[in-house]
Amino acid sequence: MIHYQLQCGQAHGFDGWFKDSASFEKQAKRGLIECPECGGTDVDRALMAPSLGRRDASLPVPVEASEEPARAVAAPVAGPEKVGRLPAQMLAALQRMRAEVEKNCDYVGPEFADQARAMHRGEVEAKGIYGETTEEQAESLAEEGIAVAKIPWVPRADG
């Protein structure tokens, strides 16, 4: 997942996370990215400093996968201590996203990769799921044609 500093036409700055740069470009072109301050959709990437942080390879990787016409499949994992400091508006948006995932998807834990494959192959009914997977499992799913994307997992809004 790619993190971009974004800026709207009114010079309001905010953060955005995207599957890849092509996803950002497609969403920006269609006006799907909205400034949380003014609601403007004239959004572009702002100048950013490079990220030099190192990820702990032993951590599971949060992912989201979808296979049309199946429903979204999500696997969040990163604990609040691994997410880092987020702007309040982004934290609120991620908390709303977490609530929606928990409300609409079934938790499958470490069986995420197996369940996603079974749905992809038509062995089980396609439905929304979330759980954990490793970076290697996420890459393997992508190689099999099962789209995966990481989801930042933040503490619940009510917690």
C-alpha atoms as a PDB file:
ATOM      1  CA  MET A   1       0.000   0.000   0.000  1.00  0.00           C
ATOM      2  CA  ILE A   2       1.274   3.472  -0.876  1.00  0.00           C
ATOM      3  CA  HIS A   3       0.903   6.486   1.414  1.00  0.00           C
ATOM      4  CA  TYR A   4       0.652   9.891  -0.281  1.00  0.00           C
ATOM      5  CA  GLN A   5       0.487  13.397   1.106  1.00  0.00           C
ATOM      6  CA  LEU A   6      -2.368  14.996  -0.856  1.00  0.00           C
ATOM      7  CA  GLN A   7      -3.490  18.555  -1.448  1.00  0.00           C
ATOM      8  CA  CYS A   8      -6.777  19.895  -2.784  1.00  0.00           C
ATOM      9  CA  GLY A   9      -7.278  22.934  -5.011  1.00  0.00           C
ATOM     10  CA  GLN A  10      -7.774  25.062  -1.873  1.00  0.00           C
ATOM     11  CA  ALA A  11      -4.292  24.025  -0.590  1.00  0.00           C
ATOM     12  CA  HIS A  12      -5.673  21.845   2.233  1.00  0.00           C
ATOM     13  CA  GLY A  13      -3.229  19.032   2.982  1.00  0.00           C
ATOM     14  CA  PHE A  14      -4.230  15.493   3.986  1.00  0.00           C
ATOM     15  CA  ASP A  15      -3.032  11.882   3.767  1.00  0.00           C
ATOM     16  CA  GLY A  16      -4.208   9.089   1.497  1.00  0.00           C
ATOM     17  CA  TRP A  17      -3.445   5.371   1.166  1.00  0.00           C
ATOM     18  CA  PHE A  18      -3.716   3.589  -2.166  1.00  0.00           C
ATOM     19  CA  LYS A  19      -3.093   0.102  -3.524  1.00  0.00           C
ATOM     20  CA  ASP A  20      -0.580   1.548  -6.005  1.00  0.00           C
ATOM     21  CA  SER A  21       0.089   4.760  -7.939  1.00  0.00           C
ATOM     22  CA  ALA A  22      -2.267   3.675 -10.740  1.00  0.00           C
ATOM     23  CA  SER A  23      -5.103   3.375  -8.186  1.00  0.00           C
ATOM     24  CA  PHE A  24      -4.454   6.927  -7.022  1.00  0.00           C
ATOM     25  CA  GLU A  25      -4.400   8.246 -10.597  1.00  0.00           C
ATOM     26  CA  LYS A  26      -7.644   6.444 -11.519  1.00  0.00           C
ATOM     27  CA  GLN A  27      -9.490   7.624  -8.393  1.00  0.00           C
ATOM     28  CA  ALA A  28      -8.238  11.217  -8.743  1.00  0.00           C
ATOM     29  CA  LYS A  29      -9.221  11.356 -12.422  1.00  0.00           C
ATOM     30  CA  ARG A  30     -12.750  10.140 -11.582  1.00  0.00           C
ATOM     31  CA  GLY A  31     -13.102  12.682  -8.729  1.00  0.00           C
ATOM     32  CA  LEU A  32     -13.373   9.954  -6.078  1.00  0.00           C
ATOM     33  CA  ILE A  33     -10.826  11.492  -3.708  1.00  0.00           C
ATOM     34  CA  GLU A  34     -12.353  14.173  -1.535  1.00  0.00           C
ATOM     35  CA  CYS A  35     -10.668  16.739   0.695  1.00  0.00           C
ATOM     36  CA  PRO A  36     -11.797  16.056   4.285  1.00  0.00           C
ATOM     37  CA  GLU A  37     -11.737  19.789   5.045  1.00  0.00           C
ATOM     38  CA  CYS A  38     -13.651  21.354   2.136  1.00  0.00           C
ATOM     39  CA  GLY A  39     -14.976  18.377   0.171  1.00  0.00           C
ATOM     40  CA  GLY A  40     -13.140  19.447  -2.994  1.00  0.00           C
ATOM     41  CA  THR A  41     -12.272  16.710  -5.498  1.00  0.00           C
ATOM     42  CA  ASP A  42      -9.526  18.639  -7.327  1.00  0.00           C
ATOM     43  CA  VAL A  43      -6.815  16.627  -5.543  1.00  0.00           C
ATOM     44  CA  ASP A  44      -3.168  16.000  -6.395  1.00  0.00           C
ATOM     45  CA  ARG A  45      -0.118  14.574  -4.665  1.00  0.00           C
ATOM     46  CA  ALA A  46       1.843  17.040  -2.558  1.00  0.00           C
ATOM     47  CA  LEU A  47       5.616  17.096  -2.151  1.00  0.00           C
ATOM     48  CA  MET A  48       6.659  14.429   0.382  1.00  0.00           C
ATOM     49  CA  ALA A  49       9.806  13.371   2.191  1.00  0.00           C
ATOM     50  CA  PRO A  50      10.784   9.742   1.550  1.00  0.00           C
ATOM     51  CA  SER A  51       9.799   7.145   4.137  1.00  0.00           C
ATOM     52  CA  LEU A  52      12.835   5.416   5.578  1.00  0.00           C
ATOM     53  CA  GLY A  53      11.076   3.270   8.179  1.00  0.00           C
ATOM     54  CA  ARG A  54      11.686  -0.469   8.242  1.00  0.00           C
ATOM     55  CA  ARG A  55       8.843  -2.933   8.610  1.00  0.00           C
ATOM     56  CA  ASP A  56       9.159  -5.800  11.057  1.00  0.00           C
ATOM     57  CA  ALA A  57       9.089  -8.843   8.737  1.00  0.00           C
ATOM     58  CA  SER A  58       7.626 -11.050  11.477  1.00  0.00           C
ATOM     59  CA  LEU A  59       4.374  -9.068  11.559  1.00  0.00           C
ATOM     60  CA  PRO A  60       1.339 -10.325   9.644  1.00  0.00           C
ATOM     61  CA  VAL A  61       0.256  -8.129   6.745  1.00  0.00           C
ATOM     62  CA  PRO A  62      -3.210  -6.557   6.554  1.00  0.00           C
ATOM     63  CA  VAL A  63      -4.765  -7.093   3.130  1.00  0.00           C
ATOM     64  CA  GLU A  64      -7.959  -6.595   1.228  1.00  0.00           C
ATOM     65  CA  ALA A  65      -8.810  -8.871  -1.653  1.00  0.00           C
ATOM     66  CA  SER A  66     -11.636  -8.945  -4.136  1.00  0.00           C
ATOM     67  CA  GLU A  67     -12.604 -11.185  -6.989  1.00  0.00           C
ATOM     68  CA  GLU A  68     -15.563  -9.993  -9.061  1.00  0.00           C
ATOM     69  CA  PRO A  69     -18.405 -10.696  -8.523  1.00  0.00           C
ATOM     70  CA  ALA A  70     -17.435 -11.716  -4.984  1.00  0.00           C
ATOM     71  CA  ARG A  71     -17.821  -9.245  -2.152  1.00  0.00           C
ATOM     72  CA  ALA A  72     -14.820  -7.482  -0.688  1.00  0.00           C
ATOM     73  CA  VAL A  73     -12.456  -9.625   1.336  1.00  0.00           C
ATOM     74  CA  ALA A  74     -10.344  -7.883   3.948  1.00  0.00           C
ATOM     75  CA  ALA A  75      -7.578  -8.858   6.347  1.00  0.00           C
ATOM     76  CA  PRO A  76      -6.447  -6.130   8.754  1.00  0.00           C
ATOM     77  CA  VAL A  77      -3.679  -6.767  11.224  1.00  0.00           C
ATOM     78  CA  ALA A  78      -1.350  -3.909  12.114  1.00  0.00           C
ATOM     79  CA  GLY A  79      -1.824  -3.031  15.768  1.00  0.00           C
ATOM     80  CA  PRO A  80      -2.141   0.588  16.896  1.00  0.00           C
ATOM     81  CA  GLU A  81       1.520   0.665  17.931  1.00  0.00           C
ATOM     82  CA  LYS A  82       2.560  -0.112  14.331  1.00  0.00           C
ATOM     83  CA  VAL A  83       0.280   2.393  12.576  1.00  0.00           C
ATOM     84  CA  GLY A  84       2.099   5.489  13.807  1.00  0.00           C
ATOM     85  CA  ARG A  85       0.725   8.974  14.418  1.00  0.00           C
ATOM     86  CA  LEU A  86      -2.120   9.870  12.078  1.00  0.00           C
ATOM     87  CA  PRO A  87      -3.970  13.141  11.520  1.00  0.00           C
ATOM     88  CA  ALA A  88      -7.279  13.113  13.420  1.00  0.00           C
ATOM     89  CA  GLN A  89      -9.378  13.154  10.233  1.00  0.00           C
ATOM     90  CA  MET A  90      -7.510  10.155   8.785  1.00  0.00           C
ATOM     91  CA  LEU A  91      -7.756   8.259  12.073  1.00  0.00           C
ATOM     92  CA  ALA A  92     -11.513   8.869  12.113  1.00  0.00           C
ATOM     93  CA  ALA A  93     -11.850   7.662   8.509  1.00  0.00           C
ATOM     94  CA  LEU A  94      -9.847   4.507   9.267  1.00  0.00           C
ATOM     95  CA  GLN A  95     -11.943   3.865  12.393  1.00  0.00           C
ATOM     96  CA  ARG A  96     -15.113   4.126  10.272  1.00  0.00           C
ATOM     97  CA  MET A  97     -13.588   1.728   7.744  1.00  0.00           C
ATOM     98  CA  ARG A  98     -12.719  -0.746  10.517  1.00  0.00           C
ATOM     99  CA  ALA A  99     -16.270  -0.569  11.872  1.00  0.00           C
ATOM    100  CA  GLU A 100     -17.676  -1.292   8.392  1.00  0.00           C
ATOM    101  CA  VAL A 101     -15.333  -4.255   7.878  1.00  0.00           C
ATOM    102  CA  GLU A 102     -16.233  -5.711  11.286  1.00  0.00           C
ATOM    103  CA  LYS A 103     -19.949  -5.109  10.677  1.00  0.00           C
ATOM    104  CA  ASN A 104     -20.097  -6.571   7.161  1.00  0.00           C
ATOM    105  CA  CYS A 105     -17.391  -9.257   7.086  1.00  0.00           C
ATOM    106  CA  ASP A 106     -16.632 -12.482   8.956  1.00  0.00           C
ATOM    107  CA  TYR A 107     -13.367 -12.779  10.880  1.00  0.00           C
ATOM    108  CA  VAL A 108     -11.374 -15.846   9.717  1.00  0.00           C
ATOM    109  CA  GLY A 109      -8.105 -15.149  11.549  1.00  0.00           C
ATOM    110  CA  PRO A 110      -4.973 -16.809  10.179  1.00  0.00           C
ATOM    111  CA  GLU A 111      -7.099 -18.811   7.703  1.00  0.00           C
ATOM    112  CA  PHE A 112      -7.507 -15.704   5.515  1.00  0.00           C
ATOM    113  CA  ALA A 113      -5.360 -16.933   2.587  1.00  0.00           C
ATOM    114  CA  ASP A 114      -7.034 -20.369   2.531  1.00  0.00           C
ATOM    115  CA  GLN A 115     -10.522 -18.851   2.707  1.00  0.00           C
ATOM    116  CA  ALA A 116      -9.760 -16.288  -0.024  1.00  0.00           C
ATOM    117  CA  ARG A 117      -8.482 -19.086  -2.291  1.00  0.00           C
ATOM    118  CA  ALA A 118     -11.538 -21.238  -1.606  1.00  0.00           C
ATOM    119  CA  MET A 119     -13.840 -18.339  -2.547  1.00  0.00           C
ATOM    120  CA  HIS A 120     -11.768 -17.562  -5.640  1.00  0.00           C
ATOM    121  CA  ARG A 121     -12.026 -21.191  -6.781  1.00  0.00           C
ATOM    122  CA  GLY A 122     -15.765 -21.323  -6.078  1.00  0.00           C
ATOM    123  CA  GLU A 123     -15.322 -23.988  -3.378  1.00  0.00           C
ATOM    124  CA  VAL A 124     -17.189 -21.890  -0.809  1.00  0.00           C
ATOM    125  CA  GLU A 125     -19.711 -19.088  -1.100  1.00  0.00           C
ATOM    126  CA  ALA A 126     -18.134 -15.691  -1.764  1.00  0.00           C
ATOM    127  CA  LYS A 127     -18.632 -13.353   1.187  1.00  0.00           C
ATOM    128  CA  GLY A 128     -16.784 -10.622   3.020  1.00  0.00           C
ATOM    129  CA  ILE A 129     -14.040 -11.919   5.297  1.00  0.00           C
ATOM    130  CA  TYR A 130     -11.094 -10.498   7.210  1.00  0.00           C
ATOM    131  CA  GLY A 131      -8.165 -12.007   9.068  1.00  0.00           C
ATOM    132  CA  GLU A 132      -4.383 -12.214   8.973  1.00  0.00           C
ATOM    133  CA  THR A 133      -1.845 -13.219   6.368  1.00  0.00           C
ATOM    134  CA  THR A 134       1.893 -12.913   5.895  1.00  0.00           C
ATOM    135  CA  GLU A 135       3.530 -10.833   3.165  1.00  0.00           C
ATOM    136  CA  GLU A 136       4.413 -14.078   1.353  1.00  0.00           C
ATOM    137  CA  GLN A 137       0.818 -15.341   1.506  1.00  0.00           C
ATOM    138  CA  ALA A 138      -0.458 -11.990   0.186  1.00  0.00           C
ATOM    139  CA  GLU A 139       2.018 -12.152  -2.719  1.00  0.00           C
ATOM    140  CA  SER A 140       0.968 -15.728  -3.474  1.00  0.00           C
ATOM    141  CA  LEU A 141      -2.703 -14.699  -3.553  1.00  0.00           C
ATOM    142  CA  ALA A 142      -1.869 -11.903  -5.992  1.00  0.00           C
ATOM    143  CA  GLU A 143       0.053 -14.331  -8.216  1.00  0.00           C
ATOM    144  CA  GLU A 144      -3.062 -16.541  -8.325  1.00  0.00           C
ATOM    145  CA  GLY A 145      -5.141 -13.625  -9.593  1.00  0.00           C
ATOM    146  CA  ILE A 146      -6.713 -12.745  -6.251  1.00  0.00           C
ATOM    147  CA  ALA A 147      -6.328  -8.969  -5.851  1.00  0.00           C
ATOM    148  CA  VAL A 148      -4.885  -7.994  -2.463  1.00  0.00           C
ATOM    149  CA  ALA A 149      -4.319  -4.661  -0.764  1.00  0.00           C
ATOM    150  CA  LYS A 150      -3.238  -3.830   2.788  1.00  0.00           C
ATOM    151  CA  ILE A 151      -5.537  -2.012   5.207  1.00  0.00           C
ATOM    152  CA  PRO A 152      -4.190   0.113   8.086  1.00  0.00           C
ATOM    153  CA  TRP A 153      -5.889  -1.292  11.215  1.00  0.00           C
ATOM    154  CA  VAL A 154      -6.388   1.283  13.949  1.00  0.00           C
ATOM    155  CA  PRO A 155      -7.978   1.081  17.416  1.00  0.00           C
ATOM    156  CA  ARG A 156     -11.795   1.215  17.470  1.00  0.00           C
ATOM    157  CA  ALA A 157     -13.390   4.616  17.848  1.00  0.00           C
ATOM    158  CA  ASP A 158     -15.250   3.411  20.950  1.00  0.00           C
ATOM    159  CA  GLY A 159     -12.128   1.825  22.505  1.00  0.00           C
END
